[in-house]
């Protein structure tokens, strides 16, 4: 479904929106729940990714297809490796079959599991023969995706001898690693993290526990962008959010102050308000420079916000974007140039020059990437745009278009 958006003559009303639970937290907790059945979870994500993971965990089939769900692929690779006497073929979409997983597979093989590549070496599909893993030491590169490390951590307490992980190199997306460790600690699993070594002790059972998943900060980013591109006084309230968040993308609070958006924390909610007019690059700074290695998923939102405000930006720490649902750096380069942006990308950075021109009526290709669709949507406040394959948003945010519509007094989508 292609969706034409035109909010150029529409004012945003004060709106209240409830966003479902964090996909990142939900997926980690669902794996832990397999080891501890008395763990109760509330406000789970309703995203396609989480539903793929749930379906896989509830299935007895040998063939498990996770579609585009990269987190599910990584977490399930480790999970099925630790399931004794379970043989699984784990596969996904065409794009998933071109997303590397060798680093995680090598780590699991070193622990004694049997994993074979069904087709191309280093990539899904995988044939996994689960077994009792007794080895408890592994080394893994940390500078590609923290999800590989988290996948190992999530099976660690279920292993007979626990697990010691040596991290090689700088850890990418460290906040997501910290999220995993914090969730383990909430279950009173013993963990030590010193230098580049993590040690997790085995734990067979936990006391009855209920965890309410915080709403997804990545999903909140699109409303930060919407408020930033709106008039002064525009206010949107989002729930359910906490000031002390486990999610790295909560850095939005500080980042978007530069774009005139103030965040007020209320009980179980946040209020976003546009307080400052960004008149021109001269009234701002020459360039917004951000290292997003701890929160790469908001890079698309930030660069589109900067473009919509006519600001320059320099974003670094983006090397993991090349192995996402699409090569996000290339996708941003192509689609923003359609709109008139002066942009350049490397394999790990993005550079946008200030510009006052935004081309109208462009068709934004989404490349099977939910974040491409949602990141570009707020530009409809500036010019009419068409989002190609708009349904792709269900991967992480099922009600996005409905919630976006709710922010306006009238809808000009076709």
Foldseek 3Di string as FASTA:
>chain_A
DKKWAACQVFAFDAAEAEFAFAQLLLLLVVLLCVLEVLEAEARHFLFLLSVLLVCVVPDLDQERERAQNPLSQQLVLLSQQADAQHKHFYYYHPLQQVFFDQQLVVQSVVQPWDKDAPDDPRGDRIITHHHQGADAEGEGEQLQACSSVLSLQSCQQVHPAGHKYAYDDDHFLVLSVQLSVVVCVVQVWDWDCDDRMITTGHDNYGDRHYDYGFGHLLLVLLVLLLQLLHDFFHKYKYFQHDPPDSALSVCCQVVSVLSQWHWDDDHRMIMIGRHDQLDECVVHPQEAEDECRNPLSCVLLVVLSCQSSQHKYKYFNNLNCCSHLHNVQVLSVVQVVQQPWDKDDDNTMITTHGDPGGDAAEEREQSLPLSSLSSNNSSSNPHIYMYPPNCSVSNRGRCSVVVVCSRTPHTPMD
